[in-house]
Amino acid sequence: MADCILIPAYNAAHTLGPVVKECLLHGLPLVVVDDGSRDGTAAALEGLAVTVLRHEQNLGKGAALRTGFDWALSHGYTGIITLDADGQHEPTAIPQLVAAAESGQFGILLASRQSQFEQMAGLRKHWNRFGVWCMRKRTGFEISDSQSGFRYYRADLLRAIQLEKDGYDLEMELLMKCWRAGFTIGCLPVPARVADGRATSHYRAVRDTWHICMTFLRYM
């Protein structure tokens, strides 16, 4: 099976380079989608063996993921690992995530930060806990961290569904459509380097949480 790594990035010039260098140690092809950055994000990748795709303007994390998915599918990759550009995830866990995803035949496997929920603040902490309960009640899957951006996706899942969202709610849309399409969702405990990524994240607590909740309700 041929896997690749996908990193959506927006104004991540100070964090993206080290993340990419760690990911490249695993020998997998890597694509970065620069989502209209204005801080020289792409320049941080000069000299690295990385494919860079660029949006001329900022369209949102979901739009960046969709661009990356299209690229990966068109190049024949059968599995796609996503992680964020801000350094909060643990690249050393990529082989573990891939092995667990492939052995378990998951449509989506999430790297779960559930053990760190208490370190998160405000709406993030409460939504993550509430989201865990909602997802289990509705889908039957033990999805212990529905908002983790560190994930493994099977290509046949991405070919089987049509994605619409452009923001952070795309990741909830993926979970709901994966479940409705009959694929399996799982979680692998992988503590993040930074449990609460507020300092580097572009996540807007109220607005983005609202959109995620509405996406969950829509696809119930």
C-alpha atoms as a PDB file:
ATOM      1  CA  MET A   1       0.000   0.000   0.000  1.00  0.00           C
ATOM      2  CA  ALA A   2       1.209   3.494  -0.788  1.00  0.00           C
ATOM      3  CA  ASP A   3       0.557   6.188   1.791  1.00  0.00           C
ATOM      4  CA  CYS A   4       1.301   9.896   1.825  1.00  0.00           C
ATOM      5  CA  ILE A   5       1.264  12.706   4.376  1.00  0.00           C
ATOM      6  CA  LEU A   6      -0.896  15.809   3.967  1.00  0.00           C
ATOM      7  CA  ILE A   7      -0.410  19.023   5.960  1.00  0.00           C
ATOM      8  CA  PRO A   8      -2.772  22.001   5.523  1.00  0.00           C
ATOM      9  CA  ALA A   9      -0.964  25.222   6.440  1.00  0.00           C
ATOM     10  CA  TYR A  10      -1.956  28.832   6.953  1.00  0.00           C
ATOM     11  CA  ASN A  11       0.508  31.463   8.193  1.00  0.00           C
ATOM     12  CA  ALA A  12       2.681  28.732   9.710  1.00  0.00           C
ATOM     13  CA  ALA A  13       6.124  29.952   8.658  1.00  0.00           C
ATOM     14  CA  HIS A  14       7.574  29.585  12.168  1.00  0.00           C
ATOM     15  CA  THR A  15       6.333  26.055  12.864  1.00  0.00           C
ATOM     16  CA  LEU A  16       5.895  24.273   9.528  1.00  0.00           C
ATOM     17  CA  GLY A  17       9.556  23.588   8.708  1.00  0.00           C
ATOM     18  CA  PRO A  18      10.344  21.484  11.809  1.00  0.00           C
ATOM     19  CA  VAL A  19       7.054  19.566  11.446  1.00  0.00           C
ATOM     20  CA  VAL A  20       7.803  18.712   7.819  1.00  0.00           C
ATOM     21  CA  LYS A  21      11.387  17.685   8.571  1.00  0.00           C
ATOM     22  CA  GLU A  22      10.201  15.250  11.249  1.00  0.00           C
ATOM     23  CA  CYS A  23       7.549  13.814   8.948  1.00  0.00           C
ATOM     24  CA  LEU A  24      10.061  13.282   6.139  1.00  0.00           C
ATOM     25  CA  LEU A  25      12.089  10.991   8.402  1.00  0.00           C
ATOM     26  CA  HIS A  26       9.418   8.330   7.822  1.00  0.00           C
ATOM     27  CA  GLY A  27      10.139   8.186   4.082  1.00  0.00           C
ATOM     28  CA  LEU A  28       6.592   8.936   2.923  1.00  0.00           C
ATOM     29  CA  PRO A  29       5.678  11.401   0.168  1.00  0.00           C
ATOM     30  CA  LEU A  30       4.487  14.656   1.693  1.00  0.00           C
ATOM     31  CA  VAL A  31       2.230  17.391   0.323  1.00  0.00           C
ATOM     32  CA  VAL A  32       1.639  20.765   1.964  1.00  0.00           C
ATOM     33  CA  VAL A  33      -1.353  22.896   0.988  1.00  0.00           C
ATOM     34  CA  ASP A  34      -0.509  26.537   1.641  1.00  0.00           C
ATOM     35  CA  ASP A  35      -3.942  28.053   2.210  1.00  0.00           C
ATOM     36  CA  GLY A  36      -3.297  31.632   1.118  1.00  0.00           C
ATOM     37  CA  SER A  37      -0.597  32.394   3.690  1.00  0.00           C
ATOM     38  CA  ARG A  38       0.891  35.894   3.850  1.00  0.00           C
ATOM     39  CA  ASP A  39       3.874  35.197   6.120  1.00  0.00           C
ATOM     40  CA  GLY A  40       6.199  33.247   3.823  1.00  0.00           C
ATOM     41  CA  THR A  41       4.920  29.811   4.810  1.00  0.00           C
ATOM     42  CA  ALA A  42       5.972  28.253   1.483  1.00  0.00           C
ATOM     43  CA  ALA A  43       9.484  29.717   1.819  1.00  0.00           C
ATOM     44  CA  ALA A  44       9.959  27.671   4.993  1.00  0.00           C
ATOM     45  CA  LEU A  45       9.940  24.551   2.798  1.00  0.00           C
ATOM     46  CA  GLU A  46      12.709  25.565   0.393  1.00  0.00           C
ATOM     47  CA  GLY A  47      15.150  22.727  -0.169  1.00  0.00           C
ATOM     48  CA  LEU A  48      12.842  20.088   1.291  1.00  0.00           C
ATOM     49  CA  ALA A  49      11.483  17.146  -0.730  1.00  0.00           C
ATOM     50  CA  VAL A  50       7.895  18.310  -0.468  1.00  0.00           C
ATOM     51  CA  THR A  51       5.084  18.979  -2.934  1.00  0.00           C
ATOM     52  CA  VAL A  52       3.554  22.406  -2.265  1.00  0.00           C
ATOM     53  CA  LEU A  53       0.073  23.309  -3.488  1.00  0.00           C
ATOM     54  CA  ARG A  54      -1.124  26.867  -2.991  1.00  0.00           C
ATOM     55  CA  HIS A  55      -4.432  28.678  -2.675  1.00  0.00           C
ATOM     56  CA  GLU A  56      -4.167  32.296  -3.770  1.00  0.00           C
ATOM     57  CA  GLN A  57      -6.424  33.315  -0.885  1.00  0.00           C
ATOM     58  CA  ASN A  58      -7.315  31.803   2.461  1.00  0.00           C
ATOM     59  CA  LEU A  59     -10.214  29.386   1.928  1.00  0.00           C
ATOM     60  CA  GLY A  60     -10.196  27.447   5.208  1.00  0.00           C
ATOM     61  CA  LYS A  61      -8.729  24.249   6.609  1.00  0.00           C
ATOM     62  CA  GLY A  62     -11.417  22.111   5.018  1.00  0.00           C
ATOM     63  CA  ALA A  63     -10.739  23.565   1.581  1.00  0.00           C
ATOM     64  CA  ALA A  64      -7.017  22.912   2.042  1.00  0.00           C
ATOM     65  CA  LEU A  65      -7.687  19.302   3.019  1.00  0.00           C
ATOM     66  CA  ARG A  66      -9.946  18.815   0.007  1.00  0.00           C
ATOM     67  CA  THR A  67      -7.226  20.143  -2.296  1.00  0.00           C
ATOM     68  CA  GLY A  68      -4.741  17.756  -0.728  1.00  0.00           C
ATOM     69  CA  PHE A  69      -7.124  14.809  -0.942  1.00  0.00           C
ATOM     70  CA  ASP A  70      -7.707  15.460  -4.647  1.00  0.00           C
ATOM     71  CA  TRP A  71      -3.954  15.531  -5.241  1.00  0.00           C
ATOM     72  CA  ALA A  72      -3.382  12.299  -3.306  1.00  0.00           C
ATOM     73  CA  LEU A  73      -6.190  10.447  -5.061  1.00  0.00           C
ATOM     74  CA  SER A  74      -5.028  11.600  -8.489  1.00  0.00           C
ATOM     75  CA  HIS A  75      -1.557  10.238  -7.704  1.00  0.00           C
ATOM     76  CA  GLY A  76      -2.869   6.836  -6.654  1.00  0.00           C
ATOM     77  CA  TYR A  77      -2.162   6.873  -2.923  1.00  0.00           C
ATOM     78  CA  THR A  78      -4.239   4.409  -0.932  1.00  0.00           C
ATOM     79  CA  GLY A  79      -3.861   6.026   2.494  1.00  0.00           C
ATOM     80  CA  ILE A  80      -3.496   9.639   3.607  1.00  0.00           C
ATOM     81  CA  ILE A  81      -2.137  10.793   6.971  1.00  0.00           C
ATOM     82  CA  THR A  82      -3.110  14.325   7.984  1.00  0.00           C
ATOM     83  CA  LEU A  83      -1.641  16.443  10.734  1.00  0.00           C
ATOM     84  CA  ASP A  84      -1.536  20.140  11.521  1.00  0.00           C
ATOM     85  CA  ALA A  85       1.252  22.579  10.705  1.00  0.00           C
ATOM     86  CA  ASP A  86       1.536  24.136  14.167  1.00  0.00           C
ATOM     87  CA  GLY A  87       3.595  21.421  15.838  1.00  0.00           C
ATOM     88  CA  GLN A  88       0.967  20.208  18.295  1.00  0.00           C
ATOM     89  CA  HIS A  89       0.865  16.653  16.923  1.00  0.00           C
ATOM     90  CA  GLU A  90       3.423  13.867  17.379  1.00  0.00           C
ATOM     91  CA  PRO A  91       5.039  12.921  14.011  1.00  0.00           C
ATOM     92  CA  THR A  92       6.931  10.036  15.614  1.00  0.00           C
ATOM     93  CA  ALA A  93       3.559   8.256  15.959  1.00  0.00           C
ATOM     94  CA  ILE A  94       2.936   8.180  12.183  1.00  0.00           C
ATOM     95  CA  PRO A  95       4.146   4.565  11.702  1.00  0.00           C
ATOM     96  CA  GLN A  96       2.032   3.434  14.656  1.00  0.00           C
ATOM     97  CA  LEU A  97      -1.046   5.180  13.249  1.00  0.00           C
ATOM     98  CA  VAL A  98      -0.523   3.696   9.778  1.00  0.00           C
ATOM     99  CA  ALA A  99       0.013   0.162  11.097  1.00  0.00           C
ATOM    100  CA  ALA A 100      -3.088   0.323  13.299  1.00  0.00           C
ATOM    101  CA  ALA A 101      -5.217   1.767  10.500  1.00  0.00           C
ATOM    102  CA  GLU A 102      -4.205  -0.838   7.974  1.00  0.00           C
ATOM    103  CA  SER A 103      -4.479  -3.808  10.331  1.00  0.00           C
ATOM    104  CA  GLY A 104      -7.890  -2.679  11.559  1.00  0.00           C
ATOM    105  CA  GLN A 105      -9.265  -1.799   8.117  1.00  0.00           C
ATOM    106  CA  PHE A 106     -10.502   1.585   9.355  1.00  0.00           C
ATOM    107  CA  GLY A 107     -11.988   4.118   6.967  1.00  0.00           C
ATOM    108  CA  ILE A 108     -10.746   6.765   9.378  1.00  0.00           C
ATOM    109  CA  LEU A 109      -8.422   6.283  12.345  1.00  0.00           C
ATOM    110  CA  LEU A 110      -7.951   9.254  14.676  1.00  0.00           C
ATOM    111  CA  ALA A 111      -5.009   9.914  16.968  1.00  0.00           C
ATOM    112  CA  SER A 112      -6.896  10.604  20.189  1.00  0.00           C
ATOM    113  CA  ARG A 113      -5.913  13.251  22.764  1.00  0.00           C
ATOM    114  CA  GLN A 114      -8.627  12.192  25.205  1.00  0.00           C
ATOM    115  CA  SER A 115      -6.184  11.823  28.099  1.00  0.00           C
ATOM    116  CA  GLN A 116      -5.354  15.535  27.719  1.00  0.00           C
ATOM    117  CA  PHE A 117      -8.853  17.019  27.577  1.00  0.00           C
ATOM    118  CA  GLU A 118      -8.482  18.563  31.029  1.00  0.00           C
ATOM    119  CA  GLN A 119      -5.550  20.607  29.737  1.00  0.00           C
ATOM    120  CA  MET A 120      -7.775  22.276  27.150  1.00  0.00           C
ATOM    121  CA  ALA A 121      -9.656  25.467  27.857  1.00  0.00           C
ATOM    122  CA  GLY A 122     -13.205  26.751  27.483  1.00  0.00           C
ATOM    123  CA  LEU A 123     -15.369  25.482  24.665  1.00  0.00           C
ATOM    124  CA  ARG A 124     -12.719  23.110  23.340  1.00  0.00           C
ATOM    125  CA  LYS A 125     -12.689  21.020  26.501  1.00  0.00           C
ATOM    126  CA  HIS A 126     -16.463  20.942  26.860  1.00  0.00           C
ATOM    127  CA  TRP A 127     -17.164  20.318  23.171  1.00  0.00           C
ATOM    128  CA  ASN A 128     -14.622  17.495  23.003  1.00  0.00           C
ATOM    129  CA  ARG A 129     -16.275  15.736  25.943  1.00  0.00           C
ATOM    130  CA  PHE A 130     -19.783  16.362  24.611  1.00  0.00           C
ATOM    131  CA  GLY A 131     -18.719  15.342  21.122  1.00  0.00           C
ATOM    132  CA  VAL A 132     -17.407  12.015  22.401  1.00  0.00           C
ATOM    133  CA  TRP A 133     -20.776  11.238  23.984  1.00  0.00           C
ATOM    134  CA  CYS A 134     -22.763  12.356  20.915  1.00  0.00           C
ATOM    135  CA  MET A 135     -20.674  10.370  18.453  1.00  0.00           C
ATOM    136  CA  ARG A 136     -20.874   7.195  20.537  1.00  0.00           C
ATOM    137  CA  LYS A 137     -24.647   7.502  20.962  1.00  0.00           C
ATOM    138  CA  ARG A 138     -25.272   8.171  17.285  1.00  0.00           C
ATOM    139  CA  THR A 139     -22.719   6.002  15.467  1.00  0.00           C
ATOM    140  CA  GLY A 140     -21.889   3.302  18.020  1.00  0.00           C
ATOM    141  CA  PHE A 141     -18.169   3.909  17.477  1.00  0.00           C
ATOM    142  CA  GLU A 142     -15.870   4.766  20.380  1.00  0.00           C
ATOM    143  CA  ILE A 143     -14.682   8.034  18.868  1.00  0.00           C
ATOM    144  CA  SER A 144     -12.826   9.478  21.835  1.00  0.00           C
ATOM    145  CA  ASP A 145     -11.536  12.637  20.120  1.00  0.00           C
ATOM    146  CA  SER A 146     -13.692  13.771  17.221  1.00  0.00           C
ATOM    147  CA  GLN A 147     -11.714  16.989  16.659  1.00  0.00           C
ATOM    148  CA  SER A 148      -8.210  15.575  16.313  1.00  0.00           C
ATOM    149  CA  GLY A 149      -6.583  16.686  13.064  1.00  0.00           C
ATOM    150  CA  PHE A 150      -4.024  13.856  13.251  1.00  0.00           C
ATOM    151  CA  ARG A 151      -5.764  11.142  11.237  1.00  0.00           C
ATOM    152  CA  TYR A 152      -5.436   8.317   8.728  1.00  0.00           C
ATOM    153  CA  TYR A 153      -7.899   8.183   5.825  1.00  0.00           C
ATOM    154  CA  ARG A 154      -8.397   5.335   3.383  1.00  0.00           C
ATOM    155  CA  ALA A 155      -8.524   6.473  -0.216  1.00  0.00           C
ATOM    156  CA  ASP A 156     -11.536   4.304  -1.048  1.00  0.00           C
ATOM    157  CA  LEU A 157     -13.508   6.179   1.621  1.00  0.00           C
ATOM    158  CA  LEU A 158     -12.604   9.533   0.089  1.00  0.00           C
ATOM    159  CA  ARG A 159     -13.669   8.266  -3.332  1.00  0.00           C
ATOM    160  CA  ALA A 160     -16.985   7.027  -1.959  1.00  0.00           C
ATOM    161  CA  ILE A 161     -18.148  10.325  -0.455  1.00  0.00           C
ATOM    162  CA  GLN A 162     -18.596  13.888  -1.651  1.00  0.00           C
ATOM    163  CA  LEU A 163     -17.250  16.609   0.622  1.00  0.00           C
ATOM    164  CA  GLU A 164     -18.727  20.103   0.876  1.00  0.00           C
ATOM    165  CA  LYS A 165     -17.322  21.975   3.869  1.00  0.00           C
ATOM    166  CA  ASP A 166     -14.433  24.452   3.725  1.00  0.00           C
ATOM    167  CA  GLY A 167     -13.704  25.060   7.420  1.00  0.00           C
ATOM    168  CA  TYR A 168     -12.913  23.009  10.501  1.00  0.00           C
ATOM    169  CA  ASP A 169     -16.328  21.397  10.157  1.00  0.00           C
ATOM    170  CA  LEU A 170     -15.028  19.337   7.209  1.00  0.00           C
ATOM    171  CA  GLU A 171     -13.438  16.961   9.712  1.00  0.00           C
ATOM    172  CA  MET A 172     -16.834  16.350  11.333  1.00  0.00           C
ATOM    173  CA  GLU A 173     -18.414  15.972   7.891  1.00  0.00           C
ATOM    174  CA  LEU A 174     -15.848  13.285   7.119  1.00  0.00           C
ATOM    175  CA  LEU A 175     -16.694  11.344  10.267  1.00  0.00           C
ATOM    176  CA  MET A 176     -20.436  11.448   9.668  1.00  0.00           C
ATOM    177  CA  LYS A 177     -20.201  10.540   5.992  1.00  0.00           C
ATOM    178  CA  CYS A 178     -17.728   7.769   6.768  1.00  0.00           C
ATOM    179  CA  TRP A 179     -20.222   6.259   9.205  1.00  0.00           C
ATOM    180  CA  ARG A 180     -23.170   6.679   6.828  1.00  0.00           C
ATOM    181  CA  ALA A 181     -21.187   5.080   3.982  1.00  0.00           C
ATOM    182  CA  GLY A 182     -20.617   1.947   6.070  1.00  0.00           C
ATOM    183  CA  PHE A 183     -16.932   2.408   6.850  1.00  0.00           C
ATOM    184  CA  THR A 184     -15.392   1.851  10.285  1.00  0.00           C
ATOM    185  CA  ILE A 185     -14.026   4.656  12.474  1.00  0.00           C
ATOM    186  CA  GLY A 186     -11.514   4.086  15.244  1.00  0.00           C
ATOM    187  CA  CYS A 187      -9.240   5.915  17.683  1.00  0.00           C
ATOM    188  CA  LEU A 188      -5.664   5.270  18.719  1.00  0.00           C
ATOM    189  CA  PRO A 189      -4.410   6.957  21.925  1.00  0.00           C
ATOM    190  CA  VAL A 190      -1.637   9.353  20.878  1.00  0.00           C
ATOM    191  CA  PRO A 191      -0.982  12.263  23.267  1.00  0.00           C
ATOM    192  CA  ALA A 192      -0.302  15.545  21.496  1.00  0.00           C
ATOM    193  CA  ARG A 193       2.823  17.555  22.167  1.00  0.00           C
ATOM    194  CA  VAL A 194       0.589  20.517  22.907  1.00  0.00           C
ATOM    195  CA  ALA A 195      -2.856  19.481  24.138  1.00  0.00           C
ATOM    196  CA  ASP A 196      -4.361  22.951  23.840  1.00  0.00           C
ATOM    197  CA  GLY A 197      -3.038  24.545  20.676  1.00  0.00           C
ATOM    198  CA  ARG A 198      -4.637  27.961  21.181  1.00  0.00           C
ATOM    199  CA  ALA A 199      -1.354  29.801  20.813  1.00  0.00           C
ATOM    200  CA  THR A 200      -0.775  28.554  17.264  1.00  0.00           C
ATOM    201  CA  SER A 201      -4.222  27.484  16.065  1.00  0.00           C
ATOM    202  CA  HIS A 202      -6.501  29.568  13.840  1.00  0.00           C
ATOM    203  CA  TYR A 203      -9.539  27.849  15.361  1.00  0.00           C
ATOM    204  CA  ARG A 204     -12.233  30.373  16.358  1.00  0.00           C
ATOM    205  CA  ALA A 205     -13.774  28.886  19.471  1.00  0.00           C
ATOM    206  CA  VAL A 206     -17.383  30.087  19.190  1.00  0.00           C
ATOM    207  CA  ARG A 207     -17.859  30.278  15.429  1.00  0.00           C
ATOM    208  CA  ASP A 208     -16.041  27.080  14.492  1.00  0.00           C
ATOM    209  CA  THR A 209     -17.555  25.080  17.359  1.00  0.00           C
ATOM    210  CA  TRP A 210     -21.003  26.195  16.225  1.00  0.00           C
ATOM    211  CA  HIS A 211     -20.336  25.101  12.634  1.00  0.00           C
ATOM    212  CA  ILE A 212     -19.054  21.714  13.822  1.00  0.00           C
ATOM    213  CA  CYS A 213     -22.158  21.188  15.966  1.00  0.00           C
ATOM    214  CA  MET A 214     -24.445  22.104  13.074  1.00  0.00           C
ATOM    215  CA  THR A 215     -22.598  19.708  10.770  1.00  0.00           C
ATOM    216  CA  PHE A 216     -23.044  16.880  13.282  1.00  0.00           C
ATOM    217  CA  LEU A 217     -26.768  17.595  13.552  1.00  0.00           C
ATOM    218  CA  ARG A 218     -27.209  17.863   9.791  1.00  0.00           C
ATOM    219  CA  TYR A 219     -25.804  14.417   9.113  1.00  0.00           C
ATOM    220  CA  MET A 220     -27.535  12.651  11.977  1.00  0.00           C
END
